[in-house]
Amino acid sequence: MTPSLHRHRQRTLALQLLQRRLRSTPVQHLTGLPINEVRALHRAVHGVSAASGPLHHAASLMVNRRVQAQLSVYALLYRRLADANALQTIDTDALIRSYDLFVELGGQRPETSAGREFHFTAAYVLVRDLCAGAVHLLPCGSCGISYLVAAEAPVPPTCPFCPRRAPRPRARGLDTSHYRPQERGENS
């Protein structure tokens, strides 16, 4: 491949990633383009400078069981669409296709911490951490569905899908902290 064709492919990929609002540093990492060029492309696409600051970790995205289940579905889509080395290095094409399919199938994006949507940068972070071994897909011993676990996640490392899990009692808005079930033999 000629150098100009390779550069054209890098820029095309960068534009695809930036259009989905991936942050500049991951775009630079995935394309190999200089960061100044990526930032200039970001300004050209969005009309504003790129956001700065550190990226989150996938564990911080899993704020509750519902989100853990949704992120697990995304990770399973990515793994299904990616090549054989997908859990060692990021398959950029699978990252894009799995995110687009996830959004299309879900109709809505799951909220992560503090009401933030599961955006493309969060998808990148999840796949990055999956490849680095910071999060894992484990098959459930009961239902067989694979789900995400992370050591630092606020949810317990158990299956969010499993129908065999005992449901938690719900108070329906009442304060039941002082409630004691009536024992047999007590008068009403």
C-alpha atoms as a PDB file:
ATOM      1  CA  MET A   1       0.000   0.000   0.000  1.00  0.00           C
ATOM      2  CA  THR A   2       1.338   3.396  -0.918  1.00  0.00           C
ATOM      3  CA  PRO A   3       1.947   5.952   1.841  1.00  0.00           C
ATOM      4  CA  SER A   4      -0.727   8.311   0.492  1.00  0.00           C
ATOM      5  CA  LEU A   5      -3.346   5.542   0.361  1.00  0.00           C
ATOM      6  CA  HIS A   6      -2.467   4.501   3.922  1.00  0.00           C
ATOM      7  CA  ARG A   7      -2.771   8.129   5.096  1.00  0.00           C
ATOM      8  CA  HIS A   8      -6.131   8.447   3.339  1.00  0.00           C
ATOM      9  CA  ARG A   9      -7.411   5.313   5.137  1.00  0.00           C
ATOM     10  CA  GLN A  10      -6.190   6.649   8.477  1.00  0.00           C
ATOM     11  CA  ARG A  11      -8.014   9.949   7.926  1.00  0.00           C
ATOM     12  CA  THR A  12     -11.191   8.185   6.765  1.00  0.00           C
ATOM     13  CA  LEU A  13     -11.163   6.025   9.890  1.00  0.00           C
ATOM     14  CA  ALA A  14     -10.488   9.079  12.064  1.00  0.00           C
ATOM     15  CA  LEU A  15     -13.503  10.835  10.546  1.00  0.00           C
ATOM     16  CA  GLN A  16     -15.727   7.793  11.180  1.00  0.00           C
ATOM     17  CA  LEU A  17     -14.604   7.710  14.814  1.00  0.00           C
ATOM     18  CA  LEU A  18     -14.922  11.457  15.313  1.00  0.00           C
ATOM     19  CA  GLN A  19     -18.415  11.528  13.783  1.00  0.00           C
ATOM     20  CA  ARG A  20     -19.457   9.119  16.543  1.00  0.00           C
ATOM     21  CA  ARG A  21     -17.862  11.542  19.037  1.00  0.00           C
ATOM     22  CA  LEU A  22     -14.885   9.436  20.101  1.00  0.00           C
ATOM     23  CA  ARG A  23     -12.418  11.552  22.059  1.00  0.00           C
ATOM     24  CA  SER A  24      -9.202  12.660  20.337  1.00  0.00           C
ATOM     25  CA  THR A  25      -6.695  10.547  22.269  1.00  0.00           C
ATOM     26  CA  PRO A  26      -8.406   7.224  21.428  1.00  0.00           C
ATOM     27  CA  VAL A  27      -8.749   8.345  17.790  1.00  0.00           C
ATOM     28  CA  GLN A  28      -5.018   9.054  17.701  1.00  0.00           C
ATOM     29  CA  HIS A  29      -4.328   5.667  19.310  1.00  0.00           C
ATOM     30  CA  LEU A  30      -6.514   3.757  16.823  1.00  0.00           C
ATOM     31  CA  THR A  31      -5.419   5.575  13.667  1.00  0.00           C
ATOM     32  CA  GLY A  32      -1.785   6.465  14.323  1.00  0.00           C
ATOM     33  CA  LEU A  33      -2.389  10.032  13.141  1.00  0.00           C
ATOM     34  CA  PRO A  34      -0.591  12.835  14.987  1.00  0.00           C
ATOM     35  CA  ILE A  35      -2.718  14.249  17.821  1.00  0.00           C
ATOM     36  CA  ASN A  36      -2.614  17.772  16.328  1.00  0.00           C
ATOM     37  CA  GLU A  37      -4.104  16.459  13.098  1.00  0.00           C
ATOM     38  CA  VAL A  38      -6.816  14.553  15.011  1.00  0.00           C
ATOM     39  CA  ARG A  39      -7.713  17.711  16.955  1.00  0.00           C
ATOM     40  CA  ALA A  40      -7.877  19.715  13.732  1.00  0.00           C
ATOM     41  CA  LEU A  41     -10.204  17.076  12.230  1.00  0.00           C
ATOM     42  CA  HIS A  42     -12.345  17.241  15.384  1.00  0.00           C
ATOM     43  CA  ARG A  43     -12.679  21.019  15.007  1.00  0.00           C
ATOM     44  CA  ALA A  44     -13.560  20.591  11.341  1.00  0.00           C
ATOM     45  CA  VAL A  45     -16.253  17.969  12.090  1.00  0.00           C
ATOM     46  CA  HIS A  46     -17.817  19.476  15.222  1.00  0.00           C
ATOM     47  CA  GLY A  47     -16.896  23.154  15.035  1.00  0.00           C
ATOM     48  CA  VAL A  48     -15.424  23.133  18.559  1.00  0.00           C
ATOM     49  CA  SER A  49     -12.212  22.028  20.202  1.00  0.00           C
ATOM     50  CA  ALA A  50     -11.978  18.464  21.464  1.00  0.00           C
ATOM     51  CA  ALA A  51     -12.719  17.724  25.117  1.00  0.00           C
ATOM     52  CA  SER A  52      -9.778  17.110  27.384  1.00  0.00           C
ATOM     53  CA  GLY A  53      -9.253  15.116  30.545  1.00  0.00           C
ATOM     54  CA  PRO A  54      -8.775  11.482  31.480  1.00  0.00           C
ATOM     55  CA  LEU A  55     -10.975   8.674  30.207  1.00  0.00           C
ATOM     56  CA  HIS A  56     -13.078   6.662  32.636  1.00  0.00           C
ATOM     57  CA  HIS A  57     -12.535   2.988  33.355  1.00  0.00           C
ATOM     58  CA  ALA A  58     -15.144   0.398  32.386  1.00  0.00           C
ATOM     59  CA  ALA A  59     -15.742  -0.533  36.037  1.00  0.00           C
ATOM     60  CA  SER A  60     -16.990   3.008  36.724  1.00  0.00           C
ATOM     61  CA  LEU A  61     -19.615   2.609  33.992  1.00  0.00           C
ATOM     62  CA  MET A  62     -21.309  -0.348  35.723  1.00  0.00           C
ATOM     63  CA  VAL A  63     -23.352   1.613  38.254  1.00  0.00           C
ATOM     64  CA  ASN A  64     -26.201  -0.894  38.686  1.00  0.00           C
ATOM     65  CA  ARG A  65     -27.483  -4.283  37.491  1.00  0.00           C
ATOM     66  CA  ARG A  66     -29.455  -2.894  34.558  1.00  0.00           C
ATOM     67  CA  VAL A  67     -26.412  -1.053  33.222  1.00  0.00           C
ATOM     68  CA  GLN A  68     -24.210  -4.106  33.855  1.00  0.00           C
ATOM     69  CA  ALA A  69     -26.623  -6.176  31.734  1.00  0.00           C
ATOM     70  CA  GLN A  70     -26.679  -3.568  28.933  1.00  0.00           C
ATOM     71  CA  LEU A  71     -22.899  -3.242  28.888  1.00  0.00           C
ATOM     72  CA  SER A  72     -22.629  -7.038  28.850  1.00  0.00           C
ATOM     73  CA  VAL A  73     -24.866  -7.130  25.771  1.00  0.00           C
ATOM     74  CA  TYR A  74     -22.639  -4.552  24.062  1.00  0.00           C
ATOM     75  CA  ALA A  75     -19.484  -6.517  24.965  1.00  0.00           C
ATOM     76  CA  LEU A  76     -21.068  -9.704  23.588  1.00  0.00           C
ATOM     77  CA  LEU A  77     -21.992  -7.908  20.348  1.00  0.00           C
ATOM     78  CA  TYR A  78     -18.441  -6.627  20.010  1.00  0.00           C
ATOM     79  CA  ARG A  79     -16.978 -10.072  20.655  1.00  0.00           C
ATOM     80  CA  ARG A  80     -19.350 -11.629  18.119  1.00  0.00           C
ATOM     81  CA  LEU A  81     -18.517  -9.112  15.365  1.00  0.00           C
ATOM     82  CA  ALA A  82     -14.781  -8.896  16.007  1.00  0.00           C
ATOM     83  CA  ASP A  83     -11.982 -10.999  14.574  1.00  0.00           C
ATOM     84  CA  ALA A  84     -10.207 -13.789  16.445  1.00  0.00           C
ATOM     85  CA  ASN A  85      -7.789 -11.386  18.203  1.00  0.00           C
ATOM     86  CA  ALA A  86     -10.577  -9.106  19.451  1.00  0.00           C
ATOM     87  CA  LEU A  87      -9.841  -9.698  23.097  1.00  0.00           C
ATOM     88  CA  GLN A  88      -6.123  -8.877  22.707  1.00  0.00           C
ATOM     89  CA  THR A  89      -6.261  -5.795  20.463  1.00  0.00           C
ATOM     90  CA  ILE A  90      -9.128  -3.504  19.546  1.00  0.00           C
ATOM     91  CA  ASP A  91     -10.835  -4.381  16.279  1.00  0.00           C
ATOM     92  CA  THR A  92     -11.817  -0.877  15.143  1.00  0.00           C
ATOM     93  CA  ASP A  93     -14.291  -2.058  12.518  1.00  0.00           C
ATOM     94  CA  ALA A  94     -16.044  -4.275  15.088  1.00  0.00           C
ATOM     95  CA  LEU A  95     -16.025  -1.390  17.594  1.00  0.00           C
ATOM     96  CA  ILE A  96     -17.893   0.813  15.112  1.00  0.00           C
ATOM     97  CA  ARG A  97     -20.285  -1.894  13.870  1.00  0.00           C
ATOM     98  CA  SER A  98     -21.132  -3.227  17.336  1.00  0.00           C
ATOM     99  CA  TYR A  99     -21.846   0.273  18.670  1.00  0.00           C
ATOM    100  CA  ASP A 100     -24.039   1.189  15.701  1.00  0.00           C
ATOM    101  CA  LEU A 101     -25.904  -2.117  15.990  1.00  0.00           C
ATOM    102  CA  PHE A 102     -26.279  -1.749  19.764  1.00  0.00           C
ATOM    103  CA  VAL A 103     -27.810   1.709  19.412  1.00  0.00           C
ATOM    104  CA  GLU A 104     -30.026   0.576  16.529  1.00  0.00           C
ATOM    105  CA  LEU A 105     -31.309  -2.510  18.363  1.00  0.00           C
ATOM    106  CA  GLY A 106     -31.712  -0.827  21.723  1.00  0.00           C
ATOM    107  CA  GLY A 107     -33.482   2.248  20.538  1.00  0.00           C
ATOM    108  CA  GLN A 108     -31.984   4.045  23.522  1.00  0.00           C
ATOM    109  CA  ARG A 109     -28.579   4.260  25.075  1.00  0.00           C
ATOM    110  CA  PRO A 110     -28.184   2.978  28.620  1.00  0.00           C
ATOM    111  CA  GLU A 111     -27.337   5.572  31.215  1.00  0.00           C
ATOM    112  CA  THR A 112     -24.142   5.081  33.113  1.00  0.00           C
ATOM    113  CA  SER A 113     -23.032   6.999  36.178  1.00  0.00           C
ATOM    114  CA  ALA A 114     -24.520  10.424  36.863  1.00  0.00           C
ATOM    115  CA  GLY A 115     -26.990  10.167  33.974  1.00  0.00           C
ATOM    116  CA  ARG A 116     -24.344  10.008  31.269  1.00  0.00           C
ATOM    117  CA  GLU A 117     -25.324   8.091  28.177  1.00  0.00           C
ATOM    118  CA  PHE A 118     -23.405   5.090  26.937  1.00  0.00           C
ATOM    119  CA  HIS A 119     -21.668   7.007  24.164  1.00  0.00           C
ATOM    120  CA  PHE A 120     -19.028   5.870  21.703  1.00  0.00           C
ATOM    121  CA  THR A 121     -16.142   6.837  23.981  1.00  0.00           C
ATOM    122  CA  ALA A 122     -17.656   4.631  26.710  1.00  0.00           C
ATOM    123  CA  ALA A 123     -17.832   1.786  24.162  1.00  0.00           C
ATOM    124  CA  TYR A 124     -14.153   2.343  23.381  1.00  0.00           C
ATOM    125  CA  VAL A 125     -13.275   2.334  27.112  1.00  0.00           C
ATOM    126  CA  LEU A 126     -15.206  -0.895  27.633  1.00  0.00           C
ATOM    127  CA  VAL A 127     -13.454  -2.638  24.719  1.00  0.00           C
ATOM    128  CA  ARG A 128     -10.060  -1.231  25.756  1.00  0.00           C
ATOM    129  CA  ASP A 129     -10.498  -2.550  29.291  1.00  0.00           C
ATOM    130  CA  LEU A 130     -11.794  -5.877  27.984  1.00  0.00           C
ATOM    131  CA  CYS A 131      -8.627  -6.243  25.866  1.00  0.00           C
ATOM    132  CA  ALA A 132      -6.426  -5.183  28.803  1.00  0.00           C
ATOM    133  CA  GLY A 133      -8.068  -7.681  31.157  1.00  0.00           C
ATOM    134  CA  ALA A 134      -9.497  -5.041  33.511  1.00  0.00           C
ATOM    135  CA  VAL A 135     -13.019  -6.372  32.858  1.00  0.00           C
ATOM    136  CA  HIS A 136     -13.994  -9.910  31.939  1.00  0.00           C
ATOM    137  CA  LEU A 137     -16.875 -11.715  30.298  1.00  0.00           C
ATOM    138  CA  LEU A 138     -17.748 -14.734  32.429  1.00  0.00           C
ATOM    139  CA  PRO A 139     -20.364 -17.363  31.612  1.00  0.00           C
ATOM    140  CA  CYS A 140     -23.058 -17.787  34.259  1.00  0.00           C
ATOM    141  CA  GLY A 141     -23.076 -21.256  35.802  1.00  0.00           C
ATOM    142  CA  SER A 142     -26.885 -21.229  35.967  1.00  0.00           C
ATOM    143  CA  CYS A 143     -28.217 -19.577  32.811  1.00  0.00           C
ATOM    144  CA  GLY A 144     -25.090 -19.800  30.609  1.00  0.00           C
ATOM    145  CA  ILE A 145     -25.186 -16.162  29.440  1.00  0.00           C
ATOM    146  CA  SER A 146     -21.848 -14.328  29.589  1.00  0.00           C
ATOM    147  CA  TYR A 147     -21.786 -11.135  31.634  1.00  0.00           C
ATOM    148  CA  LEU A 148     -19.253  -8.432  32.525  1.00  0.00           C
ATOM    149  CA  VAL A 149     -17.399  -8.342  35.826  1.00  0.00           C
ATOM    150  CA  ALA A 150     -14.800  -5.883  37.069  1.00  0.00           C
ATOM    151  CA  ALA A 151     -12.935  -5.817  40.353  1.00  0.00           C
ATOM    152  CA  GLU A 152     -13.652  -2.130  40.971  1.00  0.00           C
ATOM    153  CA  ALA A 153     -17.301  -2.113  39.812  1.00  0.00           C
ATOM    154  CA  PRO A 154     -19.970  -1.071  42.316  1.00  0.00           C
ATOM    155  CA  VAL A 155     -22.125  -4.086  41.374  1.00  0.00           C
ATOM    156  CA  PRO A 156     -21.400  -7.584  42.704  1.00  0.00           C
ATOM    157  CA  PRO A 157     -19.656  -9.986  40.301  1.00  0.00           C
ATOM    158  CA  THR A 158     -22.753 -12.074  39.644  1.00  0.00           C
ATOM    159  CA  CYS A 159     -25.015 -12.586  36.653  1.00  0.00           C
ATOM    160  CA  PRO A 160     -27.430  -9.693  35.983  1.00  0.00           C
ATOM    161  CA  PHE A 161     -29.508 -11.872  33.617  1.00  0.00           C
ATOM    162  CA  CYS A 162     -30.010 -15.027  35.643  1.00  0.00           C
ATOM    163  CA  PRO A 163     -33.643 -15.870  36.344  1.00  0.00           C
ATOM    164  CA  ARG A 164     -32.561 -18.103  39.239  1.00  0.00           C
ATOM    165  CA  ARG A 165     -31.370 -15.131  41.247  1.00  0.00           C
ATOM    166  CA  ALA A 166     -33.758 -14.437  44.114  1.00  0.00           C
ATOM    167  CA  PRO A 167     -35.633 -11.157  43.613  1.00  0.00           C
ATOM    168  CA  ARG A 168     -34.970  -8.409  46.108  1.00  0.00           C
ATOM    169  CA  PRO A 169     -37.976  -7.278  48.139  1.00  0.00           C
ATOM    170  CA  ARG A 170     -39.233  -3.859  47.174  1.00  0.00           C
ATOM    171  CA  ALA A 171     -40.739  -1.417  49.613  1.00  0.00           C
ATOM    172  CA  ARG A 172     -42.786   0.507  47.010  1.00  0.00           C
ATOM    173  CA  GLY A 173     -41.866   3.827  48.531  1.00  0.00           C
ATOM    174  CA  LEU A 174     -42.620   2.902  52.147  1.00  0.00           C
ATOM    175  CA  ASP A 175     -40.124   3.062  54.978  1.00  0.00           C
ATOM    176  CA  THR A 176     -40.015  -0.529  56.219  1.00  0.00           C
ATOM    177  CA  SER A 177     -36.983  -0.194  58.466  1.00  0.00           C
ATOM    178  CA  HIS A 178     -39.181  -0.304  61.596  1.00  0.00           C
ATOM    179  CA  TYR A 179     -41.452  -3.075  60.279  1.00  0.00           C
ATOM    180  CA  ARG A 180     -41.319  -6.445  62.015  1.00  0.00           C
ATOM    181  CA  PRO A 181     -43.385  -9.301  60.585  1.00  0.00           C
ATOM    182  CA  GLN A 182     -46.118 -10.456  62.933  1.00  0.00           C
ATOM    183  CA  GLU A 183     -45.233 -13.731  64.564  1.00  0.00           C
ATOM    184  CA  ARG A 184     -47.721 -16.547  65.108  1.00  0.00           C
ATOM    185  CA  GLY A 185     -49.646 -16.284  68.299  1.00  0.00           C
ATOM    186  CA  GLU A 186     -49.506 -12.465  68.466  1.00  0.00           C
ATOM    187  CA  ASN A 187     -52.839 -10.647  68.508  1.00  0.00           C
ATOM    188  CA  SER A 188     -53.662  -8.173  65.805  1.00  0.00           C
END
